[in-house]
Amino acid sequence: MLTAVSGTADHVLRNRAAWDRWAAEHAGPGLRNWAAAEPSWGIWGIAEAQAGVLPADLEGRDSIELGCGTGYVSAWLARRGARPAGLDNSAAQLATARQLQDRSGLRFPLIHASAERAPLADGRFDLAISEYGASIWCDPYAWIPEAARLLRPGGQLIFLVNSVLLMLTVPDTDGVPATERLLRPYFGMHRFEWPDDESVEFHLGHGEGVRHPSIAPYGPYRTGDGTIFLGVQDDREWATLCGEILQRPGLAEDPRFRSNTDRVDNNTELTAILEEAFADLGADRVSGMLDRAGIADPGGPRRTGGSAVGVLAA
């Protein structure tokens, strides 16, 4: 299945071109991983038996691999009983995946698209997974909400990325090991570009993967018995949240929070106010109140009972 990339950010096309060029280099490692009896993870090849990345029971679960490359993670899932599909931005990588499918006799759908705009229906999958795929080559403020949209209630997102410390200490020159000094600032880390190729990577600081840099409130908020995901898209929704959910209509006109720009600038104070208000309420109750009030969703269910597992590797 092919889908065109249009009307989207430049990094999608830049990374597509880069990975089409690099694909041949990854055919051999792809073959070895397809042939592996057990999954292993990261540059150190940590065995699944030790890392425990995958759910124990995958039988009959629908999965989507976001940035699947040669498709070996989906092959691992299929052998454990899942019904996988693989999505990748590179046609050349998917061509290798199809060759490996032919070689192994193991078949599953392969979709040519960006994980930031997957041409798939809402709530279709039980598991979304990305091993150095969309998790570093797509904008997290786009692909994580898209993954949430694709997951069913109770679904799980698993992703593997480079460690934050590595990205702060690795030089710009390819092939040079990380240093013992910080080479770039921690605060504000997001988009990484390199002088020797056109590719673009994305790396966030700890805990930033489910926040939004230009919308508030947006992201996870603690309640009395769990966490809900909340996304206020405009001032009308903000006024509704203040009046109907928080029972503090005057807060909508507080100078600290009157506009979205004000709320972003004072997000720490805003988060404290919201979590204090939600502290005596259960997540299910808050979620129901948000639904009845018509508060916008940040790309997926506000509370699905699901989870996200992130693995930071060197």
Foldseek 3Di string as FASTA:
>chain_A
DEDDDPPDDPQLVQAQVVCLVCLVVCLVVLLVLLPDPFAAADPVRHTCVVVVQDDPQQAAFEEEEAQCQLNSVVSNSVVRHHQYEYEHQYPNSVVSNVVSCVVVVPDHHYYHDHLLDDPDQFAAGQEYEYHPGCQWQPFLLRNVLSVQRNHHQQHEYEYEDAALVQVQFQDLDPPGGGDPDGPDDQPPFFWDDHPPGRHITTDHDPPCSFCDQQFPPAGWADAQAGIFTAGADFLVLVQLCCCQPQVHNCVCVPQCHVGRVSCSVVVVVVRVSVNVSRNVPDPVVSQVSCVVSVGDGSNHGGHRSYYYHYHHHD
